[in-house]
Amino acid sequence: INAIGREGADKIAHRYAADAEFRVHADRYMGEFEGLLDDASARDRDQILVETFLTSQTGRLYLLLAAATGRL
């Protein structure tokens, strides 16, 4: 959230609550990314893949959405 600030996270949270289509896409994205993290975690004891995924642009988007929507 630091990258966009509290105001940006609040906007995402508001849109998530108000826009059903956005919510469907956000939930799907987060669910699929969480599945990717679960698979990586199961295969990589050192968690290098998980860390790599979370620090990628797609991972940062996941963290932003998950934090803004209360999933984290």
PDB file of N, CA and C in Angstrom:
ATOM      1  N   ILE A   1       0.830  -1.198   0.000  1.00  0.00           N
ATOM      2  CA  ILE A   1       0.000   0.000   0.000  1.00  0.00           C
ATOM      3  C   ILE A   1       0.867   1.251   0.000  1.00  0.00           C
ATOM      4  N   ASN A   2       2.086   1.143   0.484  1.00  0.00           N
ATOM      5  CA  ASN A   2       2.963   2.313   0.555  1.00  0.00           C
ATOM      6  C   ASN A   2       3.107   3.008  -0.789  1.00  0.00           C
ATOM      7  N   ALA A   3       3.132   2.232  -1.880  1.00  0.00           N
ATOM      8  CA  ALA A   3       3.355   2.819  -3.196  1.00  0.00           C
ATOM      9  C   ALA A   3       2.213   3.740  -3.615  1.00  0.00           C
ATOM     10  N   ILE A   4       0.988   3.440  -3.201  1.00  0.00           N
ATOM     11  CA  ILE A   4      -0.141   4.278  -3.614  1.00  0.00           C
ATOM     12  C   ILE A   4      -0.751   5.053  -2.458  1.00  0.00           C
ATOM     13  N   GLY A   5      -0.327   4.744  -1.263  1.00  0.00           N
ATOM     14  CA  GLY A   5      -0.826   5.459  -0.097  1.00  0.00           C
ATOM     15  C   GLY A   5      -2.196   4.982   0.355  1.00  0.00           C
ATOM     16  N   ARG A   6      -2.584   5.473   1.482  1.00  0.00           N
ATOM     17  CA  ARG A   6      -3.870   5.099   2.078  1.00  0.00           C
ATOM     18  C   ARG A   6      -5.026   5.527   1.201  1.00  0.00           C
ATOM     19  N   GLU A   7      -4.930   6.721   0.578  1.00  0.00           N
ATOM     20  CA  GLU A   7      -6.009   7.217  -0.271  1.00  0.00           C
ATOM     21  C   GLU A   7      -6.236   6.291  -1.465  1.00  0.00           C
ATOM     22  N   GLY A   8      -5.163   5.839  -2.080  1.00  0.00           N
ATOM     23  CA  GLY A   8      -5.288   4.917  -3.208  1.00  0.00           C
ATOM     24  C   GLY A   8      -5.887   3.586  -2.788  1.00  0.00           C
ATOM     25  N   ALA A   9      -5.454   3.082  -1.646  1.00  0.00           N
ATOM     26  CA  ALA A   9      -5.998   1.821  -1.138  1.00  0.00           C
ATOM     27  C   ALA A   9      -7.481   1.967  -0.811  1.00  0.00           C
ATOM     28  N   ASP A  10      -7.860   3.112  -0.271  1.00  0.00           N
ATOM     29  CA  ASP A  10      -9.270   3.362   0.027  1.00  0.00           C
ATOM     30  C   ASP A  10     -10.112   3.395  -1.253  1.00  0.00           C
ATOM     31  N   LYS A  11      -9.553   3.972  -2.315  1.00  0.00           N
ATOM     32  CA  LYS A  11     -10.269   3.997  -3.602  1.00  0.00           C
ATOM     33  C   LYS A  11     -10.479   2.586  -4.130  1.00  0.00           C
ATOM     34  N   ILE A  12      -9.453   1.758  -4.009  1.00  0.00           N
ATOM     35  CA  ILE A  12      -9.577   0.372  -4.451  1.00  0.00           C
ATOM     36  C   ILE A  12     -10.623  -0.358  -3.609  1.00  0.00           C
ATOM     37  N   ALA A  13     -10.572  -0.162  -2.314  1.00  0.00           N
ATOM     38  CA  ALA A  13     -11.538  -0.807  -1.422  1.00  0.00           C
ATOM     39  C   ALA A  13     -12.963  -0.368  -1.757  1.00  0.00           C
ATOM     40  N   HIS A  14     -13.139   0.905  -2.040  1.00  0.00           N
ATOM     41  CA  HIS A  14     -14.460   1.418  -2.392  1.00  0.00           C
ATOM     42  C   HIS A  14     -14.942   0.809  -3.703  1.00  0.00           C
ATOM     43  N   ARG A  15     -14.082   0.778  -4.693  1.00  0.00           N
ATOM     44  CA  ARG A  15     -14.482   0.199  -5.982  1.00  0.00           C
ATOM     45  C   ARG A  15     -14.783  -1.283  -5.837  1.00  0.00           C
ATOM     46  N   TYR A  16     -13.992  -1.971  -5.045  1.00  0.00           N
ATOM     47  CA  TYR A  16     -14.217  -3.401  -4.791  1.00  0.00           C
ATOM     48  C   TYR A  16     -15.597  -3.613  -4.176  1.00  0.00           C
ATOM     49  N   ALA A  17     -15.977  -2.752  -3.256  1.00  0.00           N
ATOM     50  CA  ALA A  17     -17.273  -2.884  -2.591  1.00  0.00           C
ATOM     51  C   ALA A  17     -18.433  -2.488  -3.504  1.00  0.00           C
ATOM     52  N   ALA A  18     -18.207  -1.520  -4.390  1.00  0.00           N
ATOM     53  CA  ALA A  18     -19.296  -0.956  -5.184  1.00  0.00           C
ATOM     54  C   ALA A  18     -19.457  -1.554  -6.572  1.00  0.00           C
ATOM     55  N   ASP A  19     -18.415  -2.156  -7.111  1.00  0.00           N
ATOM     56  CA  ASP A  19     -18.419  -2.589  -8.514  1.00  0.00           C
ATOM     57  C   ASP A  19     -18.316  -4.112  -8.579  1.00  0.00           C
ATOM     58  N   ALA A  20     -19.432  -4.760  -8.868  1.00  0.00           N
ATOM     59  CA  ALA A  20     -19.477  -6.227  -8.869  1.00  0.00           C
ATOM     60  C   ALA A  20     -18.536  -6.826  -9.908  1.00  0.00           C
ATOM     61  N   GLU A  21     -18.444  -6.219 -11.072  1.00  0.00           N
ATOM     62  CA  GLU A  21     -17.564  -6.760 -12.119  1.00  0.00           C
ATOM     63  C   GLU A  21     -16.099  -6.662 -11.692  1.00  0.00           C
ATOM     64  N   PHE A  22     -15.717  -5.527 -11.130  1.00  0.00           N
ATOM     65  CA  PHE A  22     -14.355  -5.367 -10.623  1.00  0.00           C
ATOM     66  C   PHE A  22     -14.071  -6.400  -9.543  1.00  0.00           C
ATOM     67  N   ARG A  23     -15.038  -6.605  -8.650  1.00  0.00           N
ATOM     68  CA  ARG A  23     -14.878  -7.567  -7.561  1.00  0.00           C
ATOM     69  C   ARG A  23     -14.663  -8.986  -8.093  1.00  0.00           C
ATOM     70  N   VAL A  24     -15.417  -9.367  -9.117  1.00  0.00           N
ATOM     71  CA  VAL A  24     -15.256 -10.697  -9.720  1.00  0.00           C
ATOM     72  C   VAL A  24     -13.848 -10.865 -10.266  1.00  0.00           C
ATOM     73  N   HIS A  25     -13.378  -9.873 -11.007  1.00  0.00           N
ATOM     74  CA  HIS A  25     -12.035  -9.962 -11.595  1.00  0.00           C
ATOM     75  C   HIS A  25     -10.950  -9.928 -10.520  1.00  0.00           C
ATOM     76  N   ALA A  26     -11.117  -9.074  -9.530  1.00  0.00           N
ATOM     77  CA  ALA A  26     -10.128  -8.984  -8.449  1.00  0.00           C
ATOM     78  C   ALA A  26     -10.078 -10.290  -7.665  1.00  0.00           C
ATOM     79  N   ASP A  27     -11.236 -10.846  -7.334  1.00  0.00           N
ATOM     80  CA  ASP A  27     -11.276 -12.114  -6.597  1.00  0.00           C
ATOM     81  C   ASP A  27     -10.640 -13.243  -7.399  1.00  0.00           C
ATOM     82  N   ARG A  28     -10.904 -13.266  -8.689  1.00  0.00           N
ATOM     83  CA  ARG A  28     -10.316 -14.303  -9.545  1.00  0.00           C
ATOM     84  C   ARG A  28      -8.798 -14.161  -9.587  1.00  0.00           C
ATOM     85  N   TYR A  29      -8.326 -12.938  -9.777  1.00  0.00           N
ATOM     86  CA  TYR A  29      -6.888 -12.685  -9.822  1.00  0.00           C
ATOM     87  C   TYR A  29      -6.223 -13.105  -8.517  1.00  0.00           C
ATOM     88  N   MET A  30      -6.809 -12.674  -7.396  1.00  0.00           N
ATOM     89  CA  MET A  30      -6.217 -13.007  -6.104  1.00  0.00           C
ATOM     90  C   MET A  30      -6.261 -14.509  -5.853  1.00  0.00           C
ATOM     91  N   GLY A  31      -7.347 -15.155  -6.205  1.00  0.00           N
ATOM     92  CA  GLY A  31      -7.452 -16.601  -6.015  1.00  0.00           C
ATOM     93  C   GLY A  31      -6.428 -17.364  -6.828  1.00  0.00           C
ATOM     94  N   GLU A  32      -6.263 -16.984  -8.086  1.00  0.00           N
ATOM     95  CA  GLU A  32      -5.286 -17.661  -8.930  1.00  0.00           C
ATOM     96  C   GLU A  32      -3.864 -17.397  -8.454  1.00  0.00           C
ATOM     97  N   PHE A  33      -3.602 -16.176  -8.012  1.00  0.00           N
ATOM     98  CA  PHE A  33      -2.260 -15.871  -7.513  1.00  0.00           C
ATOM     99  C   PHE A  33      -1.984 -16.641  -6.229  1.00  0.00           C
ATOM    100  N   GLU A  34      -2.972 -16.749  -5.369  1.00  0.00           N
ATOM    101  CA  GLU A  34      -2.804 -17.534  -4.144  1.00  0.00           C
ATOM    102  C   GLU A  34      -2.547 -19.010  -4.455  1.00  0.00           C
ATOM    103  N   GLY A  35      -3.201 -19.525  -5.488  1.00  0.00           N
ATOM    104  CA  GLY A  35      -2.928 -20.896  -5.922  1.00  0.00           C
ATOM    105  C   GLY A  35      -1.496 -21.047  -6.403  1.00  0.00           C
ATOM    106  N   LEU A  36      -1.012 -20.060  -7.137  1.00  0.00           N
ATOM    107  CA  LEU A  36       0.377 -20.064  -7.597  1.00  0.00           C
ATOM    108  C   LEU A  36       1.331 -20.059  -6.412  1.00  0.00           C
ATOM    109  N   LEU A  37       1.035 -19.226  -5.413  1.00  0.00           N
ATOM    110  CA  LEU A  37       1.876 -19.181  -4.217  1.00  0.00           C
ATOM    111  C   LEU A  37       1.852 -20.508  -3.457  1.00  0.00           C
ATOM    112  N   ASP A  38       0.676 -21.112  -3.355  1.00  0.00           N
ATOM    113  CA  ASP A  38       0.559 -22.416  -2.675  1.00  0.00           C
ATOM    114  C   ASP A  38       1.397 -23.468  -3.385  1.00  0.00           C
ATOM    115  N   ASP A  39       1.305 -23.518  -4.717  1.00  0.00           N
ATOM    116  CA  ASP A  39       2.093 -24.481  -5.491  1.00  0.00           C
ATOM    117  C   ASP A  39       3.590 -24.239  -5.319  1.00  0.00           C
ATOM    118  N   ALA A  40       3.991 -22.978  -5.398  1.00  0.00           N
ATOM    119  CA  ALA A  40       5.405 -22.642  -5.246  1.00  0.00           C
ATOM    120  C   ALA A  40       5.892 -23.005  -3.852  1.00  0.00           C
ATOM    121  N   SER A  41       5.097 -22.732  -2.852  1.00  0.00           N
ATOM    122  CA  SER A  41       5.470 -23.020  -1.476  1.00  0.00           C
ATOM    123  C   SER A  41       5.647 -24.522  -1.251  1.00  0.00           C
ATOM    124  N   ALA A  42       4.787 -25.311  -1.866  1.00  0.00           N
ATOM    125  CA  ALA A  42       4.861 -26.761  -1.697  1.00  0.00           C
ATOM    126  C   ALA A  42       6.098 -27.356  -2.370  1.00  0.00           C
ATOM    127  N   ARG A  43       6.612 -26.698  -3.389  1.00  0.00           N
ATOM    128  CA  ARG A  43       7.739 -27.236  -4.158  1.00  0.00           C
ATOM    129  C   ARG A  43       9.086 -26.651  -3.748  1.00  0.00           C
ATOM    130  N   ASP A  44       9.064 -25.563  -3.013  1.00  0.00           N
ATOM    131  CA  ASP A  44      10.300 -24.831  -2.745  1.00  0.00           C
ATOM    132  C   ASP A  44      10.428 -24.560  -1.249  1.00  0.00           C
ATOM    133  N   ARG A  45      11.185 -25.389  -0.573  1.00  0.00           N
ATOM    134  CA  ARG A  45      11.328 -25.249   0.885  1.00  0.00           C
ATOM    135  C   ARG A  45      11.959 -23.933   1.299  1.00  0.00           C
ATOM    136  N   ASP A  46      12.816 -23.389   0.480  1.00  0.00           N
ATOM    137  CA  ASP A  46      13.488 -22.131   0.807  1.00  0.00           C
ATOM    138  C   ASP A  46      12.628 -20.905   0.513  1.00  0.00           C
ATOM    139  N   GLN A  47      11.471 -21.110  -0.087  1.00  0.00           N
ATOM    140  CA  GLN A  47      10.522 -20.033  -0.401  1.00  0.00           C
ATOM    141  C   GLN A  47      11.076 -18.995  -1.376  1.00  0.00           C
ATOM    142  N   ILE A  48      12.068 -19.393  -2.157  1.00  0.00           N
ATOM    143  CA  ILE A  48      12.645 -18.463  -3.130  1.00  0.00           C
ATOM    144  C   ILE A  48      11.623 -18.108  -4.201  1.00  0.00           C
ATOM    145  N   LEU A  49      10.866 -19.099  -4.672  1.00  0.00           N
ATOM    146  CA  LEU A  49       9.845 -18.820  -5.690  1.00  0.00           C
ATOM    147  C   LEU A  49       8.752 -17.916  -5.144  1.00  0.00           C
ATOM    148  N   VAL A  50       8.316 -18.178  -3.932  1.00  0.00           N
ATOM    149  CA  VAL A  50       7.273 -17.346  -3.329  1.00  0.00           C
ATOM    150  C   VAL A  50       7.750 -15.899  -3.228  1.00  0.00           C
ATOM    151  N   GLU A  51       8.957 -15.715  -2.752  1.00  0.00           N
ATOM    152  CA  GLU A  51       9.513 -14.367  -2.638  1.00  0.00           C
ATOM    153  C   GLU A  51       9.630 -13.702  -4.004  1.00  0.00           C
ATOM    154  N   THR A  52      10.056 -14.466  -4.990  1.00  0.00           N
ATOM    155  CA  THR A  52      10.181 -13.934  -6.349  1.00  0.00           C
ATOM    156  C   THR A  52       8.823 -13.522  -6.893  1.00  0.00           C
ATOM    157  N   PHE A  53       7.831 -14.370  -6.698  1.00  0.00           N
ATOM    158  CA  PHE A  53       6.483 -14.038  -7.174  1.00  0.00           C
ATOM    159  C   PHE A  53       5.933 -12.801  -6.467  1.00  0.00           C
ATOM    160  N   LEU A  54       6.114 -12.714  -5.168  1.00  0.00           N
ATOM    161  CA  LEU A  54       5.556 -11.593  -4.417  1.00  0.00           C
ATOM    162  C   LEU A  54       6.246 -10.266  -4.724  1.00  0.00           C
ATOM    163  N   THR A  55       7.490 -10.303  -5.136  1.00  0.00           N
ATOM    164  CA  THR A  55       8.203  -9.063  -5.445  1.00  0.00           C
ATOM    165  C   THR A  55       8.101  -8.671  -6.915  1.00  0.00           C
ATOM    166  N   SER A  56       7.481  -9.528  -7.727  1.00  0.00           N
ATOM    167  CA  SER A  56       7.266  -9.184  -9.136  1.00  0.00           C
ATOM    168  C   SER A  56       6.139  -8.159  -9.244  1.00  0.00           C
ATOM    169  N   GLN A  57       5.955  -7.592 -10.417  1.00  0.00           N
ATOM    170  CA  GLN A  57       4.869  -6.623 -10.595  1.00  0.00           C
ATOM    171  C   GLN A  57       3.511  -7.273 -10.351  1.00  0.00           C
ATOM    172  N   THR A  58       3.329  -8.499 -10.802  1.00  0.00           N
ATOM    173  CA  THR A  58       2.058  -9.183 -10.570  1.00  0.00           C
ATOM    174  C   THR A  58       1.864  -9.476  -9.087  1.00  0.00           C
ATOM    175  N   GLY A  59       2.942  -9.772  -8.394  1.00  0.00           N
ATOM    176  CA  GLY A  59       2.870 -10.005  -6.957  1.00  0.00           C
ATOM    177  C   GLY A  59       2.545  -8.741  -6.193  1.00  0.00           C
ATOM    178  N   ARG A  60       3.123  -7.645  -6.618  1.00  0.00           N
ATOM    179  CA  ARG A  60       2.827  -6.373  -5.948  1.00  0.00           C
ATOM    180  C   ARG A  60       1.374  -5.967  -6.166  1.00  0.00           C
ATOM    181  N   LEU A  61       0.849  -6.267  -7.364  1.00  0.00           N
ATOM    182  CA  LEU A  61      -0.566  -6.009  -7.615  1.00  0.00           C
ATOM    183  C   LEU A  61      -1.430  -6.873  -6.702  1.00  0.00           C
ATOM    184  N   TYR A  62      -1.065  -8.142  -6.559  1.00  0.00           N
ATOM    185  CA  TYR A  62      -1.795  -9.021  -5.648  1.00  0.00           C
ATOM    186  C   TYR A  62      -1.774  -8.456  -4.231  1.00  0.00           C
ATOM    187  N   LEU A  63      -0.603  -8.079  -3.743  1.00  0.00           N
ATOM    188  CA  LEU A  63      -0.488  -7.559  -2.382  1.00  0.00           C
ATOM    189  C   LEU A  63      -1.318  -6.293  -2.196  1.00  0.00           C
ATOM    190  N   LEU A  64      -1.320  -5.439  -3.193  1.00  0.00           N
ATOM    191  CA  LEU A  64      -2.103  -4.212  -3.136  1.00  0.00           C
ATOM    192  C   LEU A  64      -3.591  -4.528  -3.056  1.00  0.00           C
ATOM    193  N   LEU A  65      -4.073  -5.371  -3.969  1.00  0.00           N
ATOM    194  CA  LEU A  65      -5.493  -5.743  -3.964  1.00  0.00           C
ATOM    195  C   LEU A  65      -5.875  -6.444  -2.670  1.00  0.00           C
ATOM    196  N   ALA A  66      -5.051  -7.388  -2.255  1.00  0.00           N
ATOM    197  CA  ALA A  66      -5.360  -8.170  -1.052  1.00  0.00           C
ATOM    198  C   ALA A  66      -5.389  -7.294   0.192  1.00  0.00           C
ATOM    199  N   ALA A  67      -4.469  -6.368   0.293  1.00  0.00           N
ATOM    200  CA  ALA A  67      -4.445  -5.472   1.451  1.00  0.00           C
ATOM    201  C   ALA A  67      -5.628  -4.496   1.411  1.00  0.00           C
ATOM    202  N   ALA A  68      -5.909  -3.943   0.248  1.00  0.00           N
ATOM    203  CA  ALA A  68      -6.982  -2.957   0.122  1.00  0.00           C
ATOM    204  C   ALA A  68      -8.361  -3.565   0.336  1.00  0.00           C
ATOM    205  N   THR A  69      -8.498  -4.845   0.045  1.00  0.00           N
ATOM    206  CA  THR A  69      -9.807  -5.494   0.164  1.00  0.00           C
ATOM    207  C   THR A  69      -9.953  -6.302   1.449  1.00  0.00           C
ATOM    208  N   GLY A  70      -8.933  -6.269   2.301  1.00  0.00           N
ATOM    209  CA  GLY A  70      -9.010  -6.972   3.562  1.00  0.00           C
ATOM    210  C   GLY A  70      -8.707  -8.451   3.477  1.00  0.00           C
ATOM    211  N   ARG A  71      -8.179  -8.884   2.359  1.00  0.00           N
ATOM    212  CA  ARG A  71      -7.863 -10.304   2.187  1.00  0.00           C
ATOM    213  C   ARG A  71      -6.596 -10.682   2.940  1.00  0.00           C
ATOM    214  N   LEU A  72      -5.741  -9.727   3.173  1.00  0.00           N
ATOM    215  CA  LEU A  72      -4.507  -9.963   3.935  1.00  0.00           C
ATOM    216  C   LEU A  72      -4.685  -9.481   5.361  1.00  0.00           C
TER     217      LEU A  72
END
